[in-house]
Every structure is written in C-alpha cells, then in structure tokens.
Protein backbone atom coordinates (compact mmCIF):
# COMPACT_ATOMS: atom_id res chain seq x y z
CA MET A 1 -2.90 -30.50 82.71
CA LYS A 2 -0.20 -28.08 81.73
CA LYS A 3 1.03 -30.44 79.07
CA PHE A 4 -2.47 -30.75 77.64
CA TRP A 5 -2.77 -26.97 77.12
CA ALA A 6 0.73 -26.82 75.70
CA TYR A 7 -0.06 -29.55 73.17
CA THR A 8 -3.38 -27.91 72.32
CA ALA A 9 -1.64 -24.53 71.79
CA VAL A 10 1.03 -26.12 69.57
CA ILE A 11 -1.64 -27.99 67.56
CA ALA A 12 -3.78 -24.81 67.19
CA ILE A 13 -0.78 -22.74 66.07
CA SER A 14 0.21 -25.49 63.60
CA ILE A 15 -3.32 -25.62 62.17
CA VAL A 16 -3.43 -21.80 61.82
CA LEU A 17 -0.01 -21.74 60.12
CA ALA A 18 -0.97 -24.58 57.77
CA CYS A 19 -4.29 -22.90 56.83
CA SER A 20 -2.62 -19.53 56.24
CA GLY A 21 0.06 -21.25 54.14
CA VAL A 22 -2.61 -22.96 52.04
CA PHE A 23 -4.53 -19.69 51.52
CA CYS A 24 -1.33 -17.76 50.68
CA GLY A 25 -0.29 -20.49 48.25
CA ILE A 26 -3.68 -20.44 46.52
CA SER A 27 -3.58 -16.61 46.30
CA TRP A 28 -0.05 -16.69 44.85
CA PHE A 29 -1.03 -19.39 42.34
CA LYS A 30 -4.01 -17.32 41.13
CA LYS A 31 -1.85 -14.21 40.67
CA ALA A 32 0.97 -16.10 38.97
CA HIS A 33 -1.33 -17.84 36.49
CA ALA A 34 -3.82 -15.04 35.88
CA LYS A 35 -5.06 -14.56 32.32
CA SER A 36 -6.53 -11.45 30.80
CA HIS A 37 -9.86 -11.83 29.06
CA ILE A 38 -11.16 -9.33 26.50
CA ILE A 39 -14.84 -9.19 25.76
CA GLY A 40 -15.35 -7.49 22.41
CA THR A 41 -12.51 -5.88 20.44
CA LEU A 42 -9.96 -3.23 21.22
CA ASP A 43 -9.08 -1.00 18.28
CA PHE A 44 -6.26 1.45 18.71
CA ASP A 45 -5.57 4.10 16.11
CA ASN A 46 -2.32 5.76 17.05
CA ARG A 47 -2.13 7.87 13.90
CA TYR A 48 -2.73 11.54 14.28
CA THR A 49 -5.41 13.46 12.43
CA MET A 50 -5.48 17.01 11.11
CA GLU A 51 -8.52 19.24 11.32
CA SER A 52 -7.63 21.08 8.10
CA PHE A 53 -5.01 20.28 5.50
CA SER A 54 -1.63 22.01 5.67
CA PHE A 55 1.61 21.01 3.99
CA SER A 56 5.00 22.67 4.23
CA ASN A 57 8.37 21.75 2.79
CA ALA A 58 9.91 22.57 6.17
CA LYS A 59 8.44 19.37 7.61
CA HIS A 60 8.42 17.37 4.36
CA PRO A 61 11.36 18.15 2.04
CA ILE A 62 10.31 18.07 -1.60
CA THR A 63 12.54 16.12 -3.97
CA PHE A 64 11.25 15.08 -7.35
CA ASP A 65 11.65 11.59 -8.72
CA HIS A 66 10.91 9.97 -12.08
CA ASP A 67 10.18 6.54 -13.45
CA GLU A 68 13.06 4.74 -15.11
CA GLY A 69 11.47 4.66 -18.55
CA ASN A 70 10.18 8.24 -18.51
CA LEU A 71 12.71 11.03 -18.01
CA THR A 72 10.33 13.91 -18.79
CA ASP A 73 7.67 13.36 -16.10
CA TRP A 74 8.77 14.21 -12.56
CA TYR A 75 6.75 13.70 -9.40
CA PHE A 76 6.85 14.04 -5.63
CA GLU A 77 4.56 11.90 -3.48
CA ASP A 78 4.13 11.84 0.30
CA GLU A 79 1.79 10.19 2.79
CA LEU A 80 0.41 12.44 5.54
CA GLU A 81 -1.94 12.21 8.50
CA LYS A 82 -5.60 11.73 7.76
CA VAL A 83 -8.08 14.61 7.54
CA PRO A 84 -11.40 13.05 8.57
CA THR A 85 -13.56 16.15 8.16
CA PHE A 86 -12.89 16.82 4.46
CA ASP A 87 -16.00 16.60 2.27
CA GLY A 88 -15.76 18.47 -1.02
CA ASP A 89 -19.42 17.85 -1.92
CA LYS A 90 -20.98 19.38 1.20
CA LYS A 91 -18.44 22.01 2.29
CA GLN A 92 -16.70 24.96 0.65
CA TYR A 93 -12.92 25.22 0.80
CA GLU A 94 -10.30 27.88 0.16
CA ILE A 95 -6.89 26.81 -1.15
CA GLU A 96 -3.77 28.87 -0.56
CA LEU A 97 -0.32 28.15 -2.00
CA ASN A 98 2.49 30.37 -0.71
CA ASN A 99 -0.06 33.05 0.27
CA TYR A 100 -1.65 33.01 -3.21
CA LEU A 101 -5.29 32.04 -3.47
CA ILE A 102 -5.93 29.21 -5.96
CA LEU A 103 -9.16 29.97 -7.84
CA ASP A 104 -9.47 27.18 -10.43
CA ALA A 105 -9.11 24.13 -8.17
CA LYS A 106 -11.18 21.03 -8.81
CA ILE A 107 -12.68 20.06 -5.45
CA MET A 108 -14.41 16.70 -5.38
CA PHE A 109 -15.72 14.51 -2.56
CA ARG A 110 -12.33 13.28 -1.27
CA ARG A 111 -9.89 14.85 -3.75
CA VAL A 112 -8.49 18.26 -4.64
CA SER A 113 -6.41 18.97 -7.73
CA PHE A 114 -5.18 22.10 -9.48
CA ASP A 115 -2.52 23.30 -11.91
CA VAL A 116 -0.07 26.12 -11.24
CA SER A 117 1.68 27.88 -14.14
CA MET A 118 4.97 29.66 -13.51
CA ASN A 119 7.28 31.81 -15.58
CA TYR A 120 10.87 32.41 -14.55
CA ARG A 121 12.23 35.66 -15.90
CA ASP A 122 15.78 36.86 -16.32
CA LEU A 123 17.00 40.29 -15.18
CA ASP A 124 16.04 41.84 -18.52
CA ALA A 125 12.44 40.51 -18.13
CA SER A 126 12.86 37.86 -20.79
CA ILE A 127 11.35 34.47 -20.03
CA LYS A 128 14.08 32.09 -18.96
CA CYS A 129 11.85 29.08 -18.28
CA GLU A 130 8.12 28.46 -18.20
CA GLY A 131 6.01 25.52 -17.24
CA SER A 132 3.35 24.23 -14.92
CA PHE A 133 2.93 21.67 -12.20
CA ASN A 134 -0.09 19.76 -10.96
CA ILE A 135 -0.94 19.19 -7.30
CA MET A 136 -3.34 16.44 -6.30
CA ILE A 137 -4.39 15.76 -2.70
CA SER A 138 -6.38 12.58 -1.99
CA PHE A 139 -8.13 12.18 1.36
CA PHE A 140 -8.46 8.49 2.24
CA ASN A 141 -9.98 6.97 5.37
CA ASP A 142 -6.62 6.19 6.95
CA LYS A 143 -4.22 8.68 5.31
CA THR A 144 -3.86 11.70 3.09
CA MET A 145 -1.69 11.57 -0.03
CA ILE A 146 -0.17 14.55 -1.81
CA ARG A 147 1.30 14.27 -5.31
CA ILE A 148 3.07 17.03 -7.24
CA GLU A 149 3.78 16.36 -10.91
CA THR A 150 5.65 18.36 -13.53
CA ARG A 151 7.10 17.84 -16.99
CA GLY A 152 10.57 18.65 -18.20
CA ASP A 153 13.86 18.47 -16.39
CA LYS A 154 14.68 22.17 -16.86
CA PHE A 155 11.39 23.31 -15.29
CA ARG A 156 11.85 20.78 -12.46
CA GLN A 157 15.23 22.31 -11.64
CA PHE A 158 13.75 25.82 -11.58
CA LEU A 159 10.83 24.60 -9.47
CA GLU A 160 13.13 22.94 -6.93
CA GLN A 161 15.18 26.14 -6.74
CA TYR A 162 11.99 28.19 -6.23
CA ILE A 163 10.86 25.86 -3.42
CA LEU A 164 14.30 26.01 -1.83
CA GLU A 165 14.35 29.84 -1.88
CA ASN A 166 10.68 30.67 -1.22
CA GLY A 167 9.36 27.59 0.53
CA PHE A 168 6.22 25.65 -0.26
CA GLU A 169 3.21 26.12 1.99
CA LEU A 170 -0.16 24.72 0.99
CA PHE A 171 -3.30 25.25 3.09
CA ILE A 172 -6.83 24.02 2.51
CA LYS A 173 -9.27 25.72 4.86
CA GLU A 174 -13.00 25.30 5.18
CA VAL A 175 -14.98 28.45 4.40
CA LYS A 176 -17.76 28.85 6.96
C-alpha cells in the first residue's frame, strides 16, 4: 500500500509540474509575441508654440544673404515656432522694435509687414548713409517665418553693424 501512495504522489507531482510548465510556456509565448494595436490615430506635435511673437538676434543671429544674380537686394529669413493665437482681423496688436513703437505696420489676417527708415550720421551730423529695410512676419499653421529685406550693400553693412552694437528685438503683443 505504501508503494501505491508513493506512485500516486509521484504521478500527482508530475501532473502538477507538467500543467504549470504548460501554463508558464503559454504565458511566456503570449508576452514574447505580443503586438500593439492602435485604434484611431496618434498625432504628436513636438514643436513648441509661442503665445505672442518675439524675436531677438541673441537667439537667432542675423546675417544677410543675396541671390546670385542680384547683388543689390539683401535678405535674412528664419523659421520660428508657430504662434497659433495670431489673428490680425479680429485682434489689435502693438509692434515694438528695439523699444520703438511701430505705428505704420500693415497687419493682416496671418501677416505683419512694415518698413523702417534709418539715417546714419557722422560726428558732424552729416548723413553718412541712409536707407530702409522691410520686415515681414508670416504666421502659418505649423511655423512662423520672418524675413528682413534691404537694398544696397553699403546700407546692409551699416544695418549689420547697428544690429551688432544695439541688438535687434522685435515684439508683437496683443492689445487687450
């Protein structure tokens, strides 16, 4: 009778070990061959947004470039983070360039442009160089573009020197 219980115990332990091995194997197989299912779409936008527009030459150095065929027109263009709240038709904005208020800016739905005239004077108050540059900011759905254009190589050199010495800070703020 002792042998009967010994055989029964060995058979029971073998059945328990076999069943646990089968269940562990099935569990491991499910984990090893698991697939991820997505219902719908996942859209990630890892670009930052700005609440109001600000541009400084400290973060974005300004260097003018020109097209090969045209040596008189100089431009600087840069792509910035998007500004989703800009709406020139429904909101009022104030534009400041180097702490000077810009009064004659053309503010449209998704674009701002204005001209700035500058005179560089010598020590005896005579005009050494004069000219103007145009700034255009376009607010797209996924980015903001700034473009600064000027004419003439001599004025471009003076403008780059002015930016180097005084900086270039442009702010567009909503007036509430």
